[in-house]
Amino acid sequence: MTSLFTTLELGCFRLKNRMTMAALTRQRAGHSGVPSDMHVRYYSQRASAGLVVTEGTFPAWTNRAFPGQAGIADDEQAAGWREVANEVHNSGGVIFMQLMHGGRTSHPDLIDGAQAEAPSALDWGGEVRGFSGKMDAPMPRALETKEIPRIVEEFRAAARRAVDAGVDGVEIHNANGYLLHEFLAPSANQRDDEFGGSLENRWRLPEMVIRAVVDEIGADRVGVRFSPGHNVQGVIEEDEADMVATYGGLIDAITPLNLAYVSFLHAEPEGELMSTLANKARANGVTKVLMNDGFGTVTTKEDAQRELELDYVDAVVVGRQFIANPDLVRRWHEDLVLNEPDQATFYMGGERGYTDYETIAD
């Protein structure tokens, strides 16, 4: 039985354990999107995770999805991330940045009055958070075909900026109802050009983004995140055969690239869908599979170990437990008492509920 506390070769890195800190929305970067000393403390406190994945980070200003989101769109933001990466490394950690385009979950209040952009101009009937508070999601505008190269370039340039700032690699966010996920799903993508309709057309943009980032920084520094059937933020996927065909086709297309990892979020890690897709992702014998068993749940040590025992899972992704327990690896390894996550502080800003959770004294 593989233990959570054994090492793992992932891309060009040797991880000290198989516990990955999930990308977690924390909204602490203000209007500027510049990581601060708080971010430095927060991420370095959790550097004992085998892999730390940052919060979803916007590649360009038109991509921002929520207030306080950190960016990697300019030199000032990159300088902030350099401080984060340096301190994580000083603490013995490996850190990847999740790159995320908010798509139709954005709002003019977040993007200097611009209109949210999406595969199709569809009103998904949800709510979004802006700097002015919670409000109805606006009608997005459909990206024109000629704009697609800009989207690819924004991801490519962000990946380069991140690695140049000292971040070890990037995770491309293709999940949770954001732009790349929107292109995959017929419920959000009703285009009639080469980026909509057929399976191949729907996965075309995600594949282009992944290939561009790989060409820029190398496959051993690139992961990708998927959440098939998550049914969130208006992106509804209920046809399992379509998901197998869509995600399976995209995974088959990118498997020869030898990515560092593919990360899945799904409520049933042991189910046939995850088994099928994960085995496709691992078919090259290089790419590792990371697994997260749900959204908005608290993963127990037993949950994590059970997932790791699946023969197609190489490491587990843990969210809320890492929020509340910076030293979670030690606590699980030594079966020590755990802090409870305080959900009221997840998105409020400031140090409380961010960098003030206690660690176990030596």
Protein backbone atom coordinates (compact mmCIF):
# COMPACT_ATOMS: atom_id res chain seq x y z
CA MET A 1 0.00 0.00 0.00
CA THR A 2 1.38 3.39 -1.02
CA SER A 3 1.52 5.83 1.87
CA LEU A 4 0.57 9.50 1.78
CA PHE A 5 4.03 10.18 3.18
CA THR A 6 6.16 8.56 0.46
CA THR A 7 7.99 10.58 -2.19
CA LEU A 8 6.77 11.03 -5.76
CA GLU A 9 8.54 11.93 -8.99
CA LEU A 10 6.34 14.54 -10.70
CA GLY A 11 7.66 16.27 -13.79
CA CYS A 12 11.16 17.51 -12.99
CA PHE A 13 10.47 17.49 -9.24
CA ARG A 14 10.76 14.96 -6.46
CA LEU A 15 7.89 15.63 -4.07
CA LYS A 16 8.50 14.78 -0.42
CA ASN A 17 4.98 13.37 0.06
CA ARG A 18 1.78 12.71 -1.89
CA MET A 19 -0.35 15.45 -0.35
CA THR A 20 -1.11 18.39 -2.65
CA MET A 21 -2.49 21.64 -1.34
CA ALA A 22 -5.43 22.53 -3.59
CA ALA A 23 -5.85 25.83 -5.37
CA LEU A 24 -7.99 27.73 -2.86
CA THR A 25 -9.88 30.97 -3.43
CA ARG A 26 -8.90 33.31 -0.56
CA GLN A 27 -9.41 36.85 -1.98
CA ARG A 28 -6.54 38.56 -0.19
CA ALA A 29 -4.91 40.51 -3.05
CA GLY A 30 -7.13 43.60 -3.09
CA HIS A 31 -7.76 45.67 -6.20
CA SER A 32 -4.18 45.45 -7.40
CA GLY A 33 -4.01 41.67 -7.60
CA VAL A 34 -0.48 41.89 -6.18
CA PRO A 35 0.51 39.18 -3.68
CA SER A 36 1.57 40.71 -0.37
CA ASP A 37 3.56 39.68 2.69
CA MET A 38 0.41 37.87 3.82
CA HIS A 39 0.64 35.61 0.77
CA VAL A 40 4.30 34.97 1.49
CA ARG A 41 3.45 33.81 5.02
CA TYR A 42 0.36 31.85 4.00
CA TYR A 43 2.01 29.77 1.30
CA SER A 44 5.33 29.25 3.09
CA GLN A 45 3.46 28.08 6.22
CA ARG A 46 2.04 25.25 4.09
CA ALA A 47 5.24 24.33 2.24
CA SER A 48 5.39 20.90 3.88
CA ALA A 49 2.78 19.74 1.34
CA GLY A 50 4.39 17.70 -1.40
CA LEU A 51 3.03 20.21 -3.90
CA VAL A 52 1.51 23.62 -3.19
CA VAL A 53 -0.87 24.92 -5.87
CA THR A 54 -1.72 28.61 -5.68
CA GLU A 55 -5.15 30.14 -5.80
CA GLY A 56 -6.57 30.58 -9.30
CA THR A 57 -4.52 33.47 -10.73
CA PHE A 58 -5.64 35.64 -13.62
CA PRO A 59 -3.35 35.82 -16.68
CA ALA A 60 -4.81 39.12 -17.93
CA TRP A 61 -7.02 41.85 -16.46
CA THR A 62 -10.05 40.80 -18.53
CA ASN A 63 -9.85 37.34 -16.89
CA ARG A 64 -10.47 38.29 -13.24
CA ALA A 65 -13.27 36.28 -11.64
CA PHE A 66 -13.62 37.61 -8.10
CA PRO A 67 -12.52 40.49 -5.87
CA GLY A 68 -9.14 40.14 -4.21
CA GLN A 69 -7.97 37.59 -6.77
CA ALA A 70 -4.22 37.59 -7.33
CA GLY A 71 -2.90 38.02 -10.86
CA ILE A 72 0.16 37.33 -12.96
CA ALA A 73 -0.73 39.92 -15.60
CA ASP A 74 2.06 42.43 -15.00
CA ASP A 75 5.51 42.92 -13.51
CA GLU A 76 4.28 44.14 -10.13
CA GLN A 77 2.19 41.01 -9.63
CA ALA A 78 5.09 38.84 -10.79
CA ALA A 79 7.37 40.53 -8.25
CA GLY A 80 4.89 39.67 -5.50
CA TRP A 81 4.84 36.04 -6.58
CA ARG A 82 8.65 36.00 -6.62
CA GLU A 83 8.63 36.71 -2.89
CA VAL A 84 6.09 33.92 -2.36
CA ALA A 85 8.07 31.41 -4.41
CA ASN A 86 11.35 32.29 -2.72
CA GLU A 87 9.93 31.74 0.76
CA VAL A 88 8.20 28.48 -0.22
CA HIS A 89 11.53 27.25 -1.57
CA ASN A 90 13.33 28.41 1.57
CA SER A 91 10.84 26.29 3.50
CA GLY A 92 11.58 23.24 1.33
CA GLY A 93 8.45 23.34 -0.83
CA VAL A 94 7.46 23.05 -4.49
CA ILE A 95 4.88 25.54 -5.80
CA PHE A 96 2.81 25.58 -9.00
CA MET A 97 0.58 28.49 -9.99
CA GLN A 98 -2.96 27.80 -11.16
CA LEU A 99 -3.70 29.91 -14.25
CA MET A 100 -7.38 30.76 -14.57
CA HIS A 101 -9.55 32.76 -16.96
CA GLY A 102 -12.87 33.50 -15.25
CA GLY A 103 -14.91 33.51 -18.46
CA ARG A 104 -18.56 34.34 -17.92
CA THR A 105 -18.17 34.29 -14.11
CA SER A 106 -16.56 37.73 -14.31
CA HIS A 107 -18.32 41.11 -14.08
CA PRO A 108 -17.61 44.64 -15.38
CA ASP A 109 -17.11 45.65 -11.73
CA LEU A 110 -14.02 43.40 -11.68
CA ILE A 111 -12.53 44.17 -15.08
CA ASP A 112 -12.59 47.93 -15.40
CA GLY A 113 -16.02 48.02 -17.03
CA ALA A 114 -15.27 45.45 -19.72
CA GLN A 115 -17.85 42.81 -20.60
CA ALA A 116 -17.27 39.25 -19.42
CA GLU A 117 -16.21 36.98 -22.29
CA ALA A 118 -17.32 33.42 -22.91
CA PRO A 119 -17.69 30.82 -25.67
CA SER A 120 -21.29 31.93 -26.24
CA ALA A 121 -23.52 34.81 -25.14
CA LEU A 122 -25.64 32.79 -22.73
CA ASP A 123 -27.28 33.99 -19.53
CA TRP A 124 -26.51 31.25 -16.99
CA GLY A 125 -28.63 32.81 -14.24
CA GLY A 126 -26.02 32.75 -11.49
CA GLU A 127 -24.56 35.25 -9.06
CA VAL A 128 -21.00 36.57 -8.97
CA ARG A 129 -19.00 38.60 -6.49
CA GLY A 130 -17.59 41.95 -7.49
CA PHE A 131 -15.84 44.66 -5.52
CA SER A 132 -19.32 46.10 -4.91
CA GLY A 133 -20.64 42.84 -3.44
CA LYS A 134 -22.71 39.94 -4.72
CA MET A 135 -24.70 40.62 -7.89
CA ASP A 136 -26.39 38.85 -10.78
CA ALA A 137 -24.02 37.49 -13.37
CA PRO A 138 -24.13 39.67 -16.48
CA MET A 139 -24.74 38.45 -19.99
CA PRO A 140 -21.28 37.66 -21.37
CA ARG A 141 -20.20 38.41 -24.90
CA ALA A 142 -19.18 35.58 -27.20
CA LEU A 143 -15.49 35.63 -28.08
CA GLU A 144 -14.94 36.21 -31.78
CA THR A 145 -12.95 33.57 -33.64
CA LYS A 146 -10.19 36.07 -34.30
CA GLU A 147 -9.82 36.65 -30.53
CA ILE A 148 -8.96 33.04 -29.72
CA PRO A 149 -5.21 33.52 -30.34
CA ARG A 150 -5.26 36.28 -27.71
CA ILE A 151 -6.61 33.87 -25.11
CA VAL A 152 -3.87 31.36 -25.93
CA GLU A 153 -1.22 34.09 -25.78
CA GLU A 154 -2.46 35.30 -22.39
CA PHE A 155 -1.98 31.84 -20.89
CA ARG A 156 1.41 31.39 -22.59
CA ALA A 157 2.71 34.77 -21.43
CA ALA A 158 1.41 34.21 -17.90
CA ALA A 159 3.17 30.85 -17.67
CA ARG A 160 6.44 32.45 -18.77
CA ARG A 161 6.00 35.32 -16.31
CA ALA A 162 5.29 32.87 -13.48
CA VAL A 163 8.31 30.67 -14.12
CA ASP A 164 10.54 33.69 -14.61
CA ALA A 165 9.33 34.86 -11.18
CA GLY A 166 10.57 31.62 -9.64
CA VAL A 167 7.35 29.62 -9.49
CA ASP A 168 8.15 25.97 -10.25
CA GLY A 169 5.36 25.33 -12.75
CA VAL A 170 1.73 26.04 -13.64
CA GLU A 171 -1.60 24.26 -13.44
CA ILE A 172 -4.00 25.19 -16.25
CA HIS A 173 -7.50 25.59 -14.80
CA ASN A 174 -9.85 23.70 -17.09
CA ALA A 175 -12.54 23.15 -14.43
CA ASN A 176 -15.24 24.58 -12.15
CA GLY A 177 -17.20 26.50 -14.79
CA TYR A 178 -14.46 28.91 -15.86
CA LEU A 179 -13.57 29.76 -19.46
CA LEU A 180 -11.74 26.64 -20.65
CA HIS A 181 -14.30 24.41 -18.97
CA GLU A 182 -17.06 26.45 -20.62
CA PHE A 183 -15.63 25.63 -24.05
CA LEU A 184 -15.77 21.89 -23.29
CA ALA A 185 -19.44 21.74 -22.33
CA PRO A 186 -22.38 21.96 -24.78
CA SER A 187 -24.39 23.67 -22.03
CA ALA A 188 -22.02 26.67 -22.25
CA ASN A 189 -20.62 26.36 -25.78
CA GLN A 190 -23.10 26.81 -28.64
CA ARG A 191 -20.64 28.11 -31.21
CA ASP A 192 -20.82 27.18 -34.88
CA ASP A 193 -17.18 27.86 -35.78
CA GLU A 194 -14.13 25.60 -35.32
CA PHE A 195 -14.35 26.06 -31.53
CA GLY A 196 -17.85 24.65 -31.03
CA GLY A 197 -20.15 21.84 -32.04
CA SER A 198 -18.12 18.65 -32.43
CA LEU A 199 -16.09 17.10 -29.63
CA GLU A 200 -12.84 18.05 -31.32
CA ASN A 201 -13.97 21.63 -31.76
CA ARG A 202 -15.03 21.96 -28.13
CA TRP A 203 -11.68 20.78 -26.81
CA ARG A 204 -9.69 22.73 -29.43
CA LEU A 205 -9.04 25.83 -27.29
CA PRO A 206 -8.03 23.91 -24.14
CA GLU A 207 -5.64 21.83 -26.24
CA MET A 208 -4.19 24.95 -27.88
CA VAL A 209 -3.61 26.54 -24.47
CA ILE A 210 -1.97 23.42 -23.04
CA ARG A 211 0.31 23.02 -26.05
CA ALA A 212 1.30 26.69 -26.02
CA VAL A 213 2.21 26.57 -22.34
CA VAL A 214 4.15 23.33 -22.79
CA ASP A 215 6.08 24.86 -25.68
CA GLU A 216 6.89 27.87 -23.51
CA ILE A 217 8.00 26.33 -20.20
CA GLY A 218 8.29 22.56 -20.80
CA ALA A 219 5.82 19.75 -20.12
CA ASP A 220 7.55 18.75 -16.89
CA ARG A 221 6.41 22.06 -15.36
CA VAL A 222 2.77 21.84 -16.53
CA GLY A 223 -0.33 20.30 -14.97
CA VAL A 224 -3.99 20.61 -15.91
CA ARG A 225 -7.12 20.55 -13.76
CA PHE A 226 -10.44 18.96 -14.81
CA SER A 227 -13.81 18.61 -13.03
CA PRO A 228 -16.09 16.58 -15.33
CA GLY A 229 -19.68 16.44 -14.15
CA HIS A 230 -19.11 19.00 -11.41
CA ASN A 231 -22.17 20.97 -12.59
CA VAL A 232 -21.23 24.33 -11.20
CA GLN A 233 -21.65 27.94 -12.36
CA GLY A 234 -24.02 26.95 -15.12
CA VAL A 235 -21.72 24.44 -16.78
CA ILE A 236 -23.87 21.32 -16.67
CA GLU A 237 -22.50 17.95 -17.76
CA GLU A 238 -24.85 15.04 -17.11
CA ASP A 239 -24.18 12.75 -20.11
CA GLU A 240 -21.39 10.42 -18.99
CA ALA A 241 -20.84 9.09 -22.50
CA ASP A 242 -20.28 12.64 -23.74
CA MET A 243 -17.87 13.32 -20.87
CA VAL A 244 -15.88 10.18 -21.63
CA ALA A 245 -15.73 11.16 -25.30
CA THR A 246 -14.94 14.84 -24.69
CA TYR A 247 -12.47 14.62 -21.82
CA GLY A 248 -11.10 11.31 -23.05
CA GLY A 249 -10.47 12.79 -26.48
CA LEU A 250 -8.69 15.81 -25.06
CA ILE A 251 -6.63 13.65 -22.70
CA ASP A 252 -5.67 11.35 -25.58
CA ALA A 253 -4.57 14.42 -27.54
CA ILE A 254 -2.34 15.77 -24.74
CA THR A 255 -1.00 12.49 -23.30
CA PRO A 256 1.94 12.38 -25.78
CA LEU A 257 3.09 15.75 -24.38
CA ASN A 258 4.14 14.04 -21.11
CA LEU A 259 2.62 16.61 -18.78
CA ALA A 260 3.76 16.58 -15.15
CA TYR A 261 0.25 15.76 -13.98
CA VAL A 262 -3.49 15.79 -14.59
CA SER A 263 -5.61 16.71 -11.56
CA PHE A 264 -9.24 15.62 -11.25
CA LEU A 265 -12.02 16.93 -9.02
CA HIS A 266 -14.87 14.46 -8.77
CA ALA A 267 -17.27 13.29 -6.06
CA GLU A 268 -16.67 9.62 -6.96
CA PRO A 269 -12.92 9.03 -7.40
CA GLU A 270 -13.51 5.28 -7.49
CA GLY A 271 -16.16 5.46 -10.23
CA GLU A 272 -15.92 4.28 -13.82
CA LEU A 273 -15.59 7.81 -15.24
CA MET A 274 -12.55 8.63 -13.13
CA SER A 275 -11.03 5.22 -13.73
CA THR A 276 -11.37 5.64 -17.48
CA LEU A 277 -10.05 9.20 -17.67
CA ALA A 278 -7.25 8.74 -15.14
CA ASN A 279 -5.93 5.65 -16.87
CA LYS A 280 -5.89 7.54 -20.16
CA ALA A 281 -3.92 10.34 -18.51
CA ARG A 282 -1.34 7.90 -17.12
CA ALA A 283 -1.00 5.94 -20.35
CA ASN A 284 2.42 7.41 -21.17
CA GLY A 285 3.93 6.21 -17.90
CA VAL A 286 5.11 9.76 -17.16
CA THR A 287 2.08 11.89 -16.28
CA LYS A 288 0.87 11.54 -12.71
CA VAL A 289 -2.77 11.68 -11.61
CA LEU A 290 -3.86 13.85 -8.69
CA MET A 291 -7.32 13.28 -7.23
CA ASN A 292 -9.68 15.52 -5.22
CA ASP A 293 -12.86 13.89 -3.90
CA GLY A 294 -15.18 16.87 -3.91
CA PHE A 295 -15.80 20.60 -3.62
CA GLY A 296 -16.83 22.21 -0.34
CA THR A 297 -16.10 19.05 1.65
CA VAL A 298 -13.51 18.34 4.31
CA THR A 299 -11.19 15.51 3.29
CA THR A 300 -10.17 13.21 6.13
CA LYS A 301 -6.90 11.31 6.33
CA GLU A 302 -8.89 8.13 5.73
CA ASP A 303 -10.52 9.62 2.63
CA ALA A 304 -7.12 10.62 1.27
CA GLN A 305 -5.54 7.25 1.92
CA ARG A 306 -8.48 5.46 0.31
CA GLU A 307 -8.12 7.58 -2.84
CA LEU A 308 -4.39 6.96 -2.97
CA GLU A 309 -4.99 3.20 -2.88
CA LEU A 310 -6.79 3.42 -6.24
CA ASP A 311 -4.35 2.05 -8.79
CA TYR A 312 -4.73 5.10 -11.05
CA VAL A 313 -4.07 7.77 -8.38
CA ASP A 314 -0.57 9.00 -7.59
CA ALA A 315 -1.31 11.81 -5.11
CA VAL A 316 -4.30 13.40 -3.39
CA VAL A 317 -5.47 17.01 -3.41
CA VAL A 318 -6.62 18.49 -0.11
CA GLY A 319 -8.28 21.86 0.39
CA ARG A 320 -9.93 22.98 3.62
CA GLN A 321 -7.73 20.90 5.88
CA PHE A 322 -4.70 22.81 4.57
CA ILE A 323 -6.47 26.11 5.21
CA ALA A 324 -6.90 25.27 8.91
CA ASN A 325 -3.75 23.22 9.40
CA PRO A 326 -0.59 24.69 7.88
CA ASP A 327 1.28 21.66 9.26
CA LEU A 328 -1.31 19.14 8.05
CA VAL A 329 1.35 16.72 6.81
CA ARG A 330 2.79 16.39 10.32
CA ARG A 331 -0.63 16.23 11.96
CA TRP A 332 -1.79 13.40 9.70
CA HIS A 333 1.54 11.59 9.91
CA GLU A 334 1.56 11.67 13.72
CA ASP A 335 -2.24 11.41 14.17
CA LEU A 336 -2.38 14.73 15.99
CA VAL A 337 -5.49 16.80 16.72
CA LEU A 338 -6.66 19.05 13.86
CA ASN A 339 -7.76 22.67 13.78
CA GLU A 340 -11.25 23.23 12.38
CA PRO A 341 -11.55 25.45 9.27
CA ASP A 342 -13.52 28.64 9.89
CA GLN A 343 -15.61 29.12 6.75
CA ALA A 344 -16.67 32.61 7.83
CA THR A 345 -13.10 33.79 7.22
CA PHE A 346 -12.46 32.09 3.88
CA TYR A 347 -13.14 35.17 1.73
CA MET A 348 -13.14 38.10 4.17
CA GLY A 349 -9.61 39.42 3.60
CA GLY A 350 -6.94 40.11 6.20
CA GLU A 351 -4.83 37.86 8.40
CA ARG A 352 -7.70 36.31 10.36
CA GLY A 353 -8.41 32.83 9.09
CA TYR A 354 -5.50 33.14 6.67
CA THR A 355 -2.13 33.13 8.43
CA ASP A 356 -3.19 32.85 12.08
CA TYR A 357 -4.04 29.14 12.37
CA GLU A 358 -1.78 27.57 14.97
CA THR A 359 0.79 24.88 14.27
CA ILE A 360 1.79 22.09 16.62
CA ALA A 361 4.67 23.14 18.88
CA ASP A 362 7.76 20.93 18.80
